[in-house]
Protein backbone atom coordinates (compact mmCIF):
# COMPACT_ATOMS: atom_id res chain seq x y z
CA MET A 1 -160.87 -57.08 48.34
CA SER A 2 -160.96 -57.80 44.16
CA ALA A 3 -160.94 -54.90 42.11
CA PRO A 4 -164.85 -53.77 40.66
CA ARG A 5 -165.53 -54.96 37.14
CA ILE A 6 -165.62 -52.16 34.51
CA VAL A 7 -168.50 -52.57 31.46
CA SER A 8 -168.22 -50.80 28.57
CA VAL A 9 -171.47 -50.25 27.26
CA ARG A 10 -170.99 -47.93 23.35
CA THR A 11 -173.80 -45.36 23.69
CA VAL A 12 -175.62 -42.95 20.82
CA ASP A 13 -175.20 -39.24 22.83
CA HIS A 14 -172.16 -40.45 24.94
CA GLY A 15 -170.37 -42.66 22.54
CA VAL A 16 -167.90 -45.48 24.64
CA VAL A 17 -169.30 -45.26 28.18
CA ASP A 18 -166.97 -47.66 31.13
CA LEU A 19 -168.80 -48.27 34.23
CA PRO A 20 -168.56 -50.19 37.41
CA GLU A 21 -170.13 -53.47 37.28
CA PRO A 22 -172.52 -54.91 40.65
CA SER A 23 -171.08 -58.03 41.63
CA TRP A 24 -175.20 -59.24 41.01
CA CYS A 25 -175.69 -58.08 37.74
CA VAL A 26 -177.00 -60.46 35.51
CA LYS A 27 -178.08 -58.78 32.40
CA ALA A 28 -175.96 -58.66 29.84
CA HIS A 29 -175.48 -54.22 28.69
CA ARG A 30 -177.18 -53.54 25.20
CA ASP A 31 -175.21 -51.08 22.93
CA ASP A 32 -176.80 -47.90 21.32
CA VAL A 33 -178.48 -46.93 24.01
CA TYR A 34 -178.56 -43.45 25.37
CA ARG A 35 -176.80 -43.39 28.69
CA ALA A 36 -179.32 -42.27 30.95
CA ASP A 37 -180.87 -46.15 29.10
CA ILE A 38 -178.20 -48.01 31.04
CA HIS A 39 -178.81 -50.24 34.28
CA HIS A 40 -178.35 -53.09 35.56
CA GLN A 41 -180.52 -55.71 37.00
CA GLY A 42 -180.06 -59.05 39.47
CA VAL A 43 -181.60 -62.21 39.69
CA GLU A 44 -185.97 -62.34 39.16
CA CYS A 45 -187.07 -63.40 42.12
CA ALA A 46 -190.91 -64.37 42.82
CA ALA A 47 -192.94 -64.62 46.64
CA LYS A 48 -194.58 -68.01 47.01
CA VAL A 49 -196.94 -68.67 48.38
CA ASP A 50 -198.81 -72.51 49.15
CA VAL A 51 -202.05 -72.92 48.05
CA PRO A 52 -203.80 -75.56 49.23
CA GLY A 53 -204.69 -78.61 46.92
CA THR A 54 -202.49 -76.51 44.48
CA GLY A 55 -199.08 -76.42 46.40
CA ARG A 56 -196.19 -73.56 45.92
CA VAL A 57 -197.65 -70.61 43.46
CA PRO A 58 -195.23 -67.67 42.55
CA PHE A 59 -196.53 -64.00 42.99
CA LEU A 60 -195.20 -61.07 42.74
CA THR A 61 -191.66 -61.57 41.20
CA ALA A 62 -189.30 -58.56 41.30
CA PHE A 63 -185.70 -57.85 40.12
CA LEU A 64 -183.03 -55.74 42.13
CA SER A 65 -182.75 -52.86 39.13
């Protein structure tokens, strides 16, 4: 088992905060945010339905956060 990745985020209310970075997180973390606003975000995925005459239509887009 490998050690978790650690990301450092500079916050306006708590200085630099170090936190573990999950492997599914794909977004860069912004600096100069409040600590409560730090979040991880996964890949955006959409459910799809086959519509006759149109093909596959994406809907209900979501991502893990």
